[in-house]
Amino acid sequence: MLTSKIRITLLFLVLALAMISCGLLVPQPQAPENSAEALYTQAAQTVQAQLTQQALSTQPGQPTQAMNTPVAPFTATPTMQPVIDFPTATPTAQPTATATLPLPTSLPPTATSVPILCDHAGFIKDVTVADGTAYAPGAEFTKTWRLRNNGSCTWNSSYALVYVSGDRMSGARAVPLPGNVRPGEAVDVSVNLLAPAQQGRYRGYWMLSNAIGEVFGIGEDADKAFWVEIKAVSPNENFAYDFAINMCTATWRSSASSLICPSNPESDDGSIVFLERPTLENGRREDESTIWTRPEATRDGWIQGVYPPYKVKAGDHFLSEIGCLEDNKSCEVVFSLDYQISGGAVKNLGEWYEVYDGSTTRVDVDLSALEGKTVQFILSVTNYGKPSHANPFWMVPSVRQIKPTPTPPVVYAPPIEAARQRVAQDLGINASEITVISFELTEWQDSCLGVDLPDQICSQVIVPGYKVNMIANNRAYEAHTNMDASIVYWFEV
């Protein structure tokens, strides 16, 4: 067992060796007592002593507790070290560091949760009336937006859709929400509007308000408005009804789904688009209002628009030019015009088969058979060709009044008119009720003009005159006259 004196001797030897290796026993310039250099050196020596003790206690191959008599461990400088106030002057001699002490690291900042706004809306889509929809001045329409409650508060009927700026288009300034909308839920909000009387482009901005009248909307800070934008376009004054300008008053659907108007022209479900300057399959560029009706993008896909009721008047005709738009060489479609009365059976007024052949078809359907009836017209197109080329159009589809060309009154030769008047007089009817079917110049062989007159003697002479065939009240009559119609004999045949 090592005595205490031997242990102390060994300890001093180890310290001496360490100091020699670090150059601490080499004479050094002496810094004045209490100088910055002295204080710095004292602190470095204290650190060095601590490192040396640590090295001795962890020498390889040396057990930490192998001796029967425990060795008192080296006690380092107390953990509470005095704070050294270094002077601002740079020390003239810096000790060589033998080890680098780990620098304290700061903890990452704690993430702060972003508070959710109580009232905050998110725009999902336009349910009706896409931007740029064309309406006739004064046309009524309903704008519907789909919004999501992105806030933390439930919306209820005390919340409202409110007008904030732009063109109000005769809409109510506030429309209450239909019911409760919890956070994360969606709701459709609508307002009834009226297209302005003057042609032009119009946009109105809308937001929501809460129960105490605070206005909020969409965007990161819930301070942005959503809007409705339309074009007011006057219909042709020569049209009794303009299907193109009133395109979005119709209810449109395809073989895939119902459609908004106007709709995305790239949608596979089909679409309805208003064109102001279409280019037709014959290369002709037009400036007439046109409906581009794309069926569902599949063979046998179709599209259909049911228009509001219209009362047919005398002289009404449905007129349009139909065909395929330019650069759609595999276009093969069937156009159809139908009508329906008060939800009854759908009846067809005409069908037209169209292919891309460089020519268009002019449609003229006489509606006189429907005069006085209130009907809903239906425009339809079905695809039978390449879906991507099914781009048919209805150019200036309209109802126009085509007044019939007045028929000039028939002027008969005096003998013919005299025979007509004589028969009408004897029958007691108006001469306008008698229609002359035919007449011919002839030579009668007797003075009775070829008529059997039992109480009259007929001379055998040649009498020039006319034979006239007439009809009245579904009965046929024949009259014989001389040349000046001074003699007229008639009878029923």
Protein backbone atom coordinates (compact mmCIF):
# COMPACT_ATOMS: atom_id res chain seq x y z
CA MET A 1 0.00 0.00 0.00
CA LEU A 2 1.26 3.45 -0.87
CA THR A 3 1.71 5.87 1.93
CA SER A 4 0.32 9.34 1.82
CA LYS A 5 3.81 10.79 1.31
CA ILE A 6 4.44 8.60 -1.75
CA ARG A 7 1.07 9.51 -3.24
CA ILE A 8 1.76 13.21 -2.88
CA THR A 9 5.22 12.80 -4.47
CA LEU A 10 3.75 10.99 -7.50
CA LEU A 11 1.15 13.65 -7.90
CA PHE A 12 3.74 16.45 -8.00
CA LEU A 13 5.83 14.51 -10.54
CA VAL A 14 2.84 14.16 -12.86
CA LEU A 15 2.03 17.86 -12.58
CA ALA A 16 5.63 18.81 -13.27
CA LEU A 17 5.74 16.69 -16.40
CA ALA A 18 2.56 18.24 -17.63
CA MET A 19 3.82 21.72 -17.05
CA ILE A 20 7.09 21.00 -18.86
CA SER A 21 5.19 19.61 -21.85
CA CYS A 22 3.09 22.76 -22.01
CA GLY A 23 6.08 25.06 -21.65
CA LEU A 24 4.91 26.36 -18.30
CA LEU A 25 8.32 25.97 -16.63
CA VAL A 26 10.04 28.05 -19.30
CA PRO A 27 10.66 31.46 -17.87
CA GLN A 28 7.93 33.84 -18.97
CA PRO A 29 7.77 37.55 -18.78
CA GLN A 30 6.13 38.44 -15.52
CA ALA A 31 3.02 40.50 -15.74
CA PRO A 32 2.36 42.96 -13.03
CA GLU A 33 0.21 41.66 -10.22
CA ASN A 34 -3.45 42.25 -10.79
CA SER A 35 -2.78 43.12 -14.45
CA ALA A 36 -4.99 41.76 -17.21
CA GLU A 37 -2.23 39.37 -18.24
CA ALA A 38 -1.88 38.01 -14.73
CA LEU A 39 -5.53 37.51 -14.29
CA TYR A 40 -5.82 35.83 -17.70
CA THR A 41 -2.86 33.53 -16.88
CA GLN A 42 -4.35 32.59 -13.52
CA ALA A 43 -7.63 31.64 -15.17
CA ALA A 44 -5.87 29.59 -17.84
CA GLN A 45 -3.80 27.73 -15.20
CA THR A 46 -6.92 26.86 -13.31
CA VAL A 47 -8.51 25.43 -16.49
CA GLN A 48 -5.28 23.54 -17.26
CA ALA A 49 -5.26 21.96 -13.82
CA GLN A 50 -8.81 20.78 -14.28
CA LEU A 51 -7.99 19.21 -17.65
CA THR A 52 -4.91 17.47 -16.22
CA GLN A 53 -6.91 15.94 -13.38
CA GLN A 54 -9.48 14.73 -15.90
CA ALA A 55 -6.74 13.14 -18.03
CA LEU A 56 -5.24 11.31 -15.06
CA SER A 57 -8.55 9.89 -14.01
CA THR A 58 -9.24 8.44 -17.51
CA GLN A 59 -5.80 6.99 -18.50
CA PRO A 60 -6.21 3.88 -20.63
CA GLY A 61 -5.68 0.65 -18.69
CA GLN A 62 -5.97 2.33 -15.30
CA PRO A 63 -8.91 1.08 -13.26
CA THR A 64 -10.75 3.82 -11.50
CA GLN A 65 -11.28 1.86 -8.29
CA ALA A 66 -8.64 -0.99 -8.27
CA MET A 67 -6.79 -0.16 -5.05
CA ASN A 68 -7.80 -1.40 -1.65
CA THR A 69 -7.08 2.01 -0.18
CA PRO A 70 -9.07 4.69 -1.94
CA VAL A 71 -7.08 7.55 -3.35
CA ALA A 72 -8.51 10.89 -2.53
CA PRO A 73 -9.48 12.48 -5.85
CA PHE A 74 -8.01 15.77 -6.92
CA THR A 75 -10.38 18.51 -5.97
CA ALA A 76 -10.76 21.10 -8.67
CA THR A 77 -11.44 24.75 -8.18
CA PRO A 78 -14.90 25.29 -6.72
CA THR A 79 -17.62 25.38 -9.30
CA MET A 80 -18.61 28.93 -8.43
CA GLN A 81 -15.88 30.81 -10.30
CA PRO A 82 -15.37 34.52 -9.76
CA VAL A 83 -16.40 36.72 -12.68
CA ILE A 84 -13.28 38.20 -14.24
CA ASP A 85 -13.74 41.72 -15.50
CA PHE A 86 -11.24 41.94 -18.35
CA PRO A 87 -9.93 45.36 -19.19
CA THR A 88 -10.52 46.66 -22.66
CA ALA A 89 -6.79 46.67 -23.49
CA THR A 90 -5.59 43.66 -25.51
CA PRO A 91 -3.24 41.40 -23.47
CA THR A 92 0.38 41.52 -24.65
CA ALA A 93 0.87 37.79 -24.23
CA GLN A 94 -1.85 35.24 -24.90
CA PRO A 95 -1.46 31.74 -23.41
CA THR A 96 -1.67 28.85 -25.86
CA ALA A 97 -4.95 27.01 -25.39
CA THR A 98 -4.59 23.29 -24.94
CA ALA A 99 -8.24 22.45 -25.17
CA THR A 100 -11.41 24.04 -26.48
CA LEU A 101 -14.29 24.29 -24.09
CA PRO A 102 -17.71 23.71 -25.62
CA LEU A 103 -19.67 26.91 -26.17
CA PRO A 104 -23.11 27.02 -24.68
CA THR A 105 -25.85 26.50 -27.28
CA SER A 106 -29.20 28.27 -27.18
CA LEU A 107 -32.42 26.28 -27.48
CA PRO A 108 -34.46 26.75 -30.69
CA PRO A 109 -37.33 29.21 -30.34
CA THR A 110 -40.65 27.69 -29.39
CA ALA A 111 -43.11 27.67 -32.37
CA THR A 112 -45.94 30.13 -31.83
CA SER A 113 -49.32 29.02 -33.25
CA VAL A 114 -50.98 31.48 -35.67
CA PRO A 115 -54.38 32.45 -34.32
CA ILE A 116 -57.35 31.53 -36.56
CA LEU A 117 -59.61 34.45 -37.45
CA CYS A 118 -63.13 34.21 -36.13
CA ASP A 119 -64.67 35.31 -39.45
CA HIS A 120 -62.82 34.28 -42.59
CA ALA A 121 -64.23 33.12 -45.96
CA GLY A 122 -62.60 31.06 -48.70
CA PHE A 123 -63.69 31.24 -52.35
CA ILE A 124 -64.35 27.81 -53.93
CA LYS A 125 -65.96 28.58 -57.31
CA ASP A 126 -68.58 30.46 -59.32
CA VAL A 127 -71.65 28.23 -59.35
CA THR A 128 -73.44 30.45 -61.88
CA VAL A 129 -72.52 33.39 -64.14
CA ALA A 130 -68.85 33.02 -64.99
CA ASP A 131 -66.91 36.23 -65.61
CA GLY A 132 -67.85 37.88 -68.92
CA THR A 133 -71.30 36.30 -69.30
CA ALA A 134 -73.37 38.23 -71.86
CA TYR A 135 -76.91 39.34 -71.04
CA ALA A 136 -79.41 41.50 -72.83
CA PRO A 137 -79.91 44.87 -71.08
CA GLY A 138 -82.56 44.49 -68.42
CA ALA A 139 -82.23 40.69 -68.25
CA GLU A 140 -82.74 39.13 -64.82
CA PHE A 141 -80.16 36.62 -63.55
CA THR A 142 -78.99 35.02 -60.31
CA LYS A 143 -75.34 35.04 -59.27
CA THR A 144 -74.22 32.22 -56.93
CA TRP A 145 -70.80 31.82 -55.26
CA ARG A 146 -69.63 28.77 -53.31
CA LEU A 147 -67.71 29.79 -50.18
CA ARG A 148 -66.03 27.90 -47.33
CA ASN A 149 -66.02 28.95 -43.68
CA ASN A 150 -62.27 29.19 -43.02
CA GLY A 151 -62.71 30.89 -39.64
CA SER A 152 -63.28 29.59 -36.13
CA CYS A 153 -66.81 30.97 -35.70
CA THR A 154 -70.03 29.44 -37.00
CA TRP A 155 -71.98 31.54 -39.50
CA ASN A 156 -75.72 31.73 -38.98
CA SER A 157 -78.70 33.55 -40.43
CA SER A 158 -77.50 36.76 -38.71
CA TYR A 159 -74.62 36.71 -41.21
CA ALA A 160 -75.28 38.10 -44.69
CA LEU A 161 -73.95 38.49 -48.20
CA VAL A 162 -73.40 42.26 -48.62
CA TYR A 163 -72.68 44.60 -51.52
CA VAL A 164 -69.53 46.67 -50.95
CA SER A 165 -68.61 48.48 -54.20
CA GLY A 166 -68.72 48.56 -57.99
CA ASP A 167 -71.90 47.95 -60.00
CA ARG A 168 -74.74 46.74 -57.77
CA MET A 169 -76.90 45.82 -60.78
CA SER A 170 -80.13 46.43 -58.84
CA GLY A 171 -79.29 43.69 -56.32
CA ALA A 172 -80.26 43.83 -52.64
CA ARG A 173 -77.60 45.42 -50.44
CA ALA A 174 -77.71 42.48 -48.03
CA VAL A 175 -78.96 38.89 -48.37
CA PRO A 176 -79.08 36.77 -45.15
CA LEU A 177 -77.25 33.44 -45.23
CA PRO A 178 -79.56 30.41 -45.50
CA GLY A 179 -78.54 28.82 -42.16
CA ASN A 180 -75.68 27.66 -39.97
CA VAL A 181 -72.29 27.07 -41.60
CA ARG A 182 -69.75 25.55 -39.20
CA PRO A 183 -65.98 26.04 -39.59
CA GLY A 184 -64.73 24.03 -42.56
CA GLU A 185 -68.17 23.73 -44.19
CA ALA A 186 -69.16 25.22 -47.56
CA VAL A 187 -72.27 27.18 -48.52
CA ASP A 188 -73.77 28.60 -51.73
CA VAL A 189 -74.70 32.29 -51.43
CA SER A 190 -76.83 33.96 -54.10
CA VAL A 191 -78.20 37.34 -55.11
CA ASN A 192 -80.74 38.24 -57.81
CA LEU A 193 -79.43 40.88 -60.22
CA LEU A 194 -80.48 42.84 -63.29
CA ALA A 195 -78.27 43.57 -66.30
CA PRO A 196 -77.92 47.36 -66.72
CA ALA A 197 -79.85 49.09 -69.46
CA GLN A 198 -76.78 50.37 -71.30
CA GLN A 199 -74.37 48.16 -73.21
CA GLY A 200 -71.00 47.65 -71.52
CA ARG A 201 -69.00 45.59 -69.05
CA TYR A 202 -70.04 45.67 -65.39
CA ARG A 203 -68.47 44.32 -62.16
CA GLY A 204 -69.85 44.36 -58.61
CA TYR A 205 -67.90 43.49 -55.43
CA TRP A 206 -69.43 41.54 -52.54
CA MET A 207 -68.35 40.36 -49.07
CA LEU A 208 -69.94 38.90 -45.94
CA SER A 209 -70.95 40.56 -42.70
CA ASN A 210 -71.28 39.05 -39.23
CA ALA A 211 -73.98 39.45 -36.57
CA ILE A 212 -72.68 42.85 -35.44
CA GLY A 213 -72.25 44.19 -38.95
CA GLU A 214 -68.50 43.71 -39.34
CA VAL A 215 -67.57 43.02 -42.95
CA PHE A 216 -65.13 40.25 -43.90
CA GLY A 217 -64.21 38.32 -47.00
CA ILE A 218 -61.58 36.13 -48.61
CA GLY A 219 -57.79 36.31 -48.77
CA GLU A 220 -55.13 35.76 -46.11
CA ASP A 221 -56.46 38.58 -43.94
CA ALA A 222 -60.15 38.08 -44.83
CA ASP A 223 -60.22 41.59 -46.31
CA LYS A 224 -60.68 40.80 -50.03
CA ALA A 225 -64.00 40.91 -51.90
CA PHE A 226 -65.34 38.44 -54.47
CA TRP A 227 -67.23 39.71 -57.51
CA VAL A 228 -69.70 39.22 -60.36
CA GLU A 229 -68.79 40.44 -63.86
CA ILE A 230 -71.07 40.53 -66.91
CA LYS A 231 -71.44 42.13 -70.34
CA ALA A 232 -74.67 43.87 -71.28
CA VAL A 233 -75.15 43.36 -75.02
CA SER A 234 -78.19 44.63 -76.87
CA PRO A 235 -79.99 42.04 -78.99
CA ASN A 236 -80.59 42.72 -82.64
CA GLU A 237 -83.61 44.98 -82.88
CA ASN A 238 -84.90 42.92 -85.80
CA PHE A 239 -85.15 39.77 -83.68
CA ALA A 240 -88.26 38.79 -81.75
CA TYR A 241 -85.98 36.64 -79.56
CA ASP A 242 -82.18 36.36 -79.55
CA PHE A 243 -80.98 32.93 -78.39
CA ALA A 244 -77.30 33.96 -78.33
CA ILE A 245 -77.65 37.06 -76.17
CA ASN A 246 -80.06 35.17 -73.87
CA MET A 247 -77.82 32.08 -73.86
CA CYS A 248 -77.33 32.04 -70.09
CA THR A 249 -81.02 32.35 -69.31
CA ALA A 250 -81.34 28.77 -70.58
CA THR A 251 -80.75 25.69 -68.43
CA TRP A 252 -77.83 23.77 -69.92
CA ARG A 253 -76.77 20.20 -69.36
CA SER A 254 -74.77 17.54 -71.17
CA SER A 255 -74.71 13.76 -71.17
CA ALA A 256 -72.15 14.10 -68.35
CA SER A 257 -73.65 16.70 -66.00
CA SER A 258 -75.40 20.03 -65.62
CA LEU A 259 -73.35 22.98 -66.89
CA ILE A 260 -72.80 26.56 -65.79
CA CYS A 261 -73.08 29.27 -68.43
CA PRO A 262 -70.72 30.25 -69.86
CA SER A 263 -68.47 27.32 -69.05
CA ASN A 264 -64.89 26.14 -69.39
CA PRO A 265 -64.29 25.40 -73.10
CA GLU A 266 -61.72 22.73 -72.16
CA SER A 267 -64.00 20.73 -69.87
CA ASP A 268 -64.62 17.12 -70.89
CA ASP A 269 -68.20 17.52 -69.63
CA GLY A 270 -68.98 19.92 -72.50
CA SER A 271 -69.42 23.69 -72.54
CA ILE A 272 -71.38 26.71 -73.74
CA VAL A 273 -69.42 29.77 -74.88
CA PHE A 274 -70.57 33.05 -76.42
CA LEU A 275 -68.50 34.05 -79.47
CA GLU A 276 -68.52 37.54 -80.93
CA ARG A 277 -66.15 36.88 -83.86
CA PRO A 278 -66.26 33.20 -84.85
CA THR A 279 -64.34 31.69 -87.77
CA LEU A 280 -66.45 29.12 -89.61
CA GLU A 281 -65.43 25.92 -91.37
CA ASN A 282 -65.45 27.72 -94.71
CA GLY A 283 -62.82 30.14 -93.38
CA ARG A 284 -65.30 32.99 -93.17
CA ARG A 285 -64.71 35.34 -90.21
CA GLU A 286 -67.99 36.69 -88.83
CA ASP A 287 -68.92 39.44 -86.40
CA GLU A 288 -72.31 38.02 -85.46
CA SER A 289 -73.29 36.69 -82.03
CA THR A 290 -72.77 32.93 -81.95
CA ILE A 291 -73.22 30.06 -79.47
CA TRP A 292 -70.39 27.50 -79.41
CA THR A 293 -71.99 24.33 -78.00
CA ARG A 294 -69.51 21.53 -77.20
CA PRO A 295 -71.08 18.15 -76.31
CA GLU A 296 -69.52 15.87 -73.71
CA ALA A 297 -66.10 14.74 -75.03
CA THR A 298 -67.17 11.24 -76.02
CA ARG A 299 -68.83 9.61 -78.98
CA ASP A 300 -72.61 9.98 -78.66
CA GLY A 301 -72.03 12.75 -76.13
CA TRP A 302 -74.65 15.50 -76.27
CA ILE A 303 -75.43 18.98 -74.99
CA GLN A 304 -78.83 20.64 -74.55
CA GLY A 305 -80.18 24.05 -73.56
CA VAL A 306 -83.79 24.61 -72.47
CA TYR A 307 -84.84 28.26 -72.88
CA PRO A 308 -87.44 30.22 -70.87
CA PRO A 309 -91.04 30.27 -72.12
CA TYR A 310 -91.77 32.29 -75.25
CA LYS A 311 -95.17 33.07 -76.79
CA VAL A 312 -95.16 32.45 -80.52
CA LYS A 313 -96.60 35.22 -82.63
CA ALA A 314 -97.93 35.35 -86.17
CA GLY A 315 -95.15 35.27 -88.73
CA ASP A 316 -92.50 33.87 -86.33
CA HIS A 317 -89.68 31.81 -87.84
CA PHE A 318 -86.66 30.20 -86.18
CA LEU A 319 -83.54 31.22 -88.13
CA SER A 320 -79.87 30.31 -87.68
CA GLU A 321 -76.72 29.34 -89.54
CA ILE A 322 -75.14 26.13 -88.26
CA GLY A 323 -71.93 24.20 -88.87
CA CYS A 324 -68.49 23.49 -87.37
CA LEU A 325 -65.81 25.94 -86.32
CA GLU A 326 -62.57 26.24 -88.30
CA ASP A 327 -59.84 23.52 -88.01
CA ASN A 328 -62.16 20.74 -86.81
CA LYS A 329 -61.93 18.40 -89.79
CA SER A 330 -63.35 15.38 -87.94
CA CYS A 331 -66.43 17.27 -86.79
CA GLU A 332 -69.59 15.16 -87.27
CA VAL A 333 -72.67 16.25 -85.36
CA VAL A 334 -76.46 16.41 -85.45
CA PHE A 335 -78.23 19.68 -84.56
CA SER A 336 -81.78 19.51 -83.22
CA LEU A 337 -84.48 22.11 -82.56
CA ASP A 338 -87.28 20.96 -80.24
CA TYR A 339 -89.99 22.54 -78.13
CA GLN A 340 -92.02 21.75 -75.04
CA ILE A 341 -95.33 23.17 -73.78
CA SER A 342 -95.88 23.45 -70.01
CA GLY A 343 -93.63 20.52 -69.17
CA GLY A 344 -95.33 18.25 -71.66
CA ALA A 345 -93.77 15.93 -74.20
CA VAL A 346 -90.76 17.21 -76.14
CA LYS A 347 -91.57 17.59 -79.86
CA ASN A 348 -89.11 18.01 -82.68
CA LEU A 349 -89.13 20.88 -85.16
CA GLY A 350 -86.12 19.79 -87.21
CA GLU A 351 -82.76 17.96 -87.29
CA TRP A 352 -79.69 18.71 -89.39
CA TYR A 353 -76.66 16.46 -89.95
CA GLU A 354 -73.41 18.41 -90.27
CA VAL A 355 -69.85 17.38 -91.17
CA TYR A 356 -66.74 19.47 -91.79
CA ASP A 357 -67.14 19.96 -95.54
CA GLY A 358 -66.42 23.67 -95.97
CA SER A 359 -70.06 24.67 -96.08
CA THR A 360 -72.66 25.72 -93.52
CA THR A 361 -76.42 25.26 -93.37
CA ARG A 362 -79.01 28.01 -93.10
CA VAL A 363 -82.00 26.93 -91.01
CA ASP A 364 -85.47 28.43 -91.44
CA VAL A 365 -88.33 26.84 -89.48
CA ASP A 366 -91.82 28.29 -89.88
CA LEU A 367 -93.43 28.45 -86.40
CA SER A 368 -96.92 29.38 -87.59
CA ALA A 369 -98.32 26.05 -86.35
CA LEU A 370 -97.41 27.18 -82.79
CA GLU A 371 -98.94 30.66 -83.09
CA GLY A 372 -100.44 31.84 -79.80
CA LYS A 373 -98.81 29.03 -77.78
CA THR A 374 -96.22 29.54 -75.04
CA VAL A 375 -93.36 27.16 -75.63
CA GLN A 376 -89.85 26.44 -74.40
CA PHE A 377 -87.39 26.00 -77.25
CA ILE A 378 -84.61 23.43 -76.85
CA LEU A 379 -81.30 23.60 -78.74
CA SER A 380 -79.36 20.31 -78.84
CA VAL A 381 -76.23 18.91 -80.46
CA THR A 382 -75.05 15.27 -80.46
CA ASN A 383 -71.53 14.18 -81.43
CA TYR A 384 -70.87 11.27 -83.80
CA GLY A 385 -67.28 12.06 -84.73
CA LYS A 386 -63.95 12.69 -83.02
CA PRO A 387 -64.75 14.23 -79.63
CA SER A 388 -61.90 16.75 -79.74
CA HIS A 389 -63.25 18.09 -83.07
CA ALA A 390 -66.90 18.33 -81.95
CA ASN A 391 -67.05 22.13 -82.01
CA PRO A 392 -70.41 23.06 -83.53
CA PHE A 393 -71.92 26.54 -83.58
CA TRP A 394 -75.30 28.24 -83.85
CA MET A 395 -74.74 31.64 -85.46
CA VAL A 396 -77.41 34.30 -84.77
CA PRO A 397 -79.99 31.74 -83.58
CA SER A 398 -83.16 33.77 -83.29
CA VAL A 399 -86.89 34.06 -83.71
CA ARG A 400 -87.72 36.64 -86.36
CA GLN A 401 -90.98 37.74 -87.84
CA ILE A 402 -91.10 36.91 -91.50
CA LYS A 403 -94.10 38.64 -92.95
CA PRO A 404 -95.55 36.70 -95.87
CA THR A 405 -95.31 38.39 -99.22
CA PRO A 406 -98.79 39.69 -99.89
CA THR A 407 -100.47 37.89 -102.74
CA PRO A 408 -101.70 40.36 -105.29
CA PRO A 409 -105.42 40.12 -105.88
CA VAL A 410 -106.41 37.99 -108.83
CA VAL A 411 -107.78 40.10 -111.63
CA TYR A 412 -110.09 38.10 -113.82
CA ALA A 413 -111.26 38.95 -117.28
CA PRO A 414 -114.68 40.64 -117.16
CA PRO A 415 -116.58 37.53 -118.24
CA ILE A 416 -114.87 35.42 -115.54
CA GLU A 417 -115.53 37.96 -112.79
CA ALA A 418 -119.12 38.40 -114.01
CA ALA A 419 -119.68 34.65 -113.74
CA ARG A 420 -118.17 34.65 -110.22
CA GLN A 421 -120.36 37.53 -109.09
CA ARG A 422 -123.52 35.91 -110.58
CA VAL A 423 -122.95 32.60 -108.78
CA ALA A 424 -122.25 34.40 -105.48
CA GLN A 425 -125.38 36.47 -105.84
CA ASP A 426 -127.57 33.47 -106.55
CA LEU A 427 -126.04 31.51 -103.63
CA GLY A 428 -126.35 34.48 -101.27
CA ILE A 429 -122.64 34.54 -100.37
CA ASN A 430 -119.74 36.95 -100.78
CA ALA A 431 -117.79 36.68 -104.02
CA SER A 432 -114.55 36.33 -101.99
CA GLU A 433 -115.82 32.94 -100.81
CA ILE A 434 -115.79 31.64 -104.36
CA THR A 435 -112.52 30.42 -105.83
CA VAL A 436 -112.06 30.16 -109.57
CA ILE A 437 -110.42 26.82 -110.30
CA SER A 438 -110.11 27.16 -114.07
CA PHE A 439 -111.56 28.86 -117.12
CA GLU A 440 -111.24 28.48 -120.86
CA LEU A 441 -112.27 30.27 -124.02
CA THR A 442 -114.76 28.25 -126.00
CA GLU A 443 -117.36 28.40 -128.80
CA TRP A 444 -120.84 27.37 -127.80
CA GLN A 445 -122.91 25.60 -130.47
CA ASP A 446 -126.22 27.24 -129.58
CA SER A 447 -127.71 30.27 -128.02
CA CYS A 448 -128.23 28.39 -124.70
CA LEU A 449 -124.42 28.20 -124.36
CA GLY A 450 -124.48 24.43 -124.06
CA VAL A 451 -126.80 24.43 -121.05
CA ASP A 452 -129.99 22.35 -121.12
CA LEU A 453 -132.80 24.83 -120.60
CA PRO A 454 -136.15 22.93 -120.88
CA ASP A 455 -138.31 26.09 -120.99
CA GLN A 456 -136.18 27.85 -123.57
CA ILE A 457 -135.74 27.40 -127.34
CA CYS A 458 -132.09 27.39 -128.24
CA SER A 459 -131.00 28.67 -131.68
CA GLN A 460 -128.31 26.69 -133.46
CA VAL A 461 -125.69 29.40 -133.74
CA ILE A 462 -122.01 29.69 -132.77
CA VAL A 463 -121.60 31.85 -129.67
CA PRO A 464 -118.03 32.61 -128.48
CA GLY A 465 -117.64 32.72 -124.69
CA TYR A 466 -116.05 31.15 -121.54
CA LYS A 467 -116.42 28.01 -119.52
CA VAL A 468 -115.57 28.75 -115.81
CA ASN A 469 -115.06 26.15 -113.03
CA MET A 470 -115.47 27.40 -109.45
CA ILE A 471 -115.66 26.09 -105.89
CA ALA A 472 -117.49 27.46 -102.87
CA ASN A 473 -118.22 25.84 -99.51
CA ASN A 474 -116.63 22.60 -100.75
CA ARG A 475 -119.02 22.44 -103.68
CA ALA A 476 -118.10 22.66 -107.38
CA TYR A 477 -119.87 24.88 -109.87
CA GLU A 478 -119.62 25.46 -113.60
CA ALA A 479 -120.60 28.66 -115.43
CA HIS A 480 -121.01 29.38 -119.16
CA THR A 481 -120.84 32.93 -120.51
CA ASN A 482 -120.80 34.77 -123.79
CA MET A 483 -117.92 37.12 -124.61
CA ASP A 484 -119.23 40.22 -122.79
CA ALA A 485 -120.81 38.17 -119.94
CA SER A 486 -124.22 39.63 -120.73
CA ILE A 487 -125.44 36.00 -120.61
CA VAL A 488 -124.38 33.74 -117.70
CA TYR A 489 -125.72 30.26 -117.04
CA TRP A 490 -124.36 28.17 -114.11
CA PHE A 491 -125.09 24.85 -112.39
CA GLU A 492 -123.61 22.62 -109.66
CA VAL A 493 -121.46 19.72 -110.80
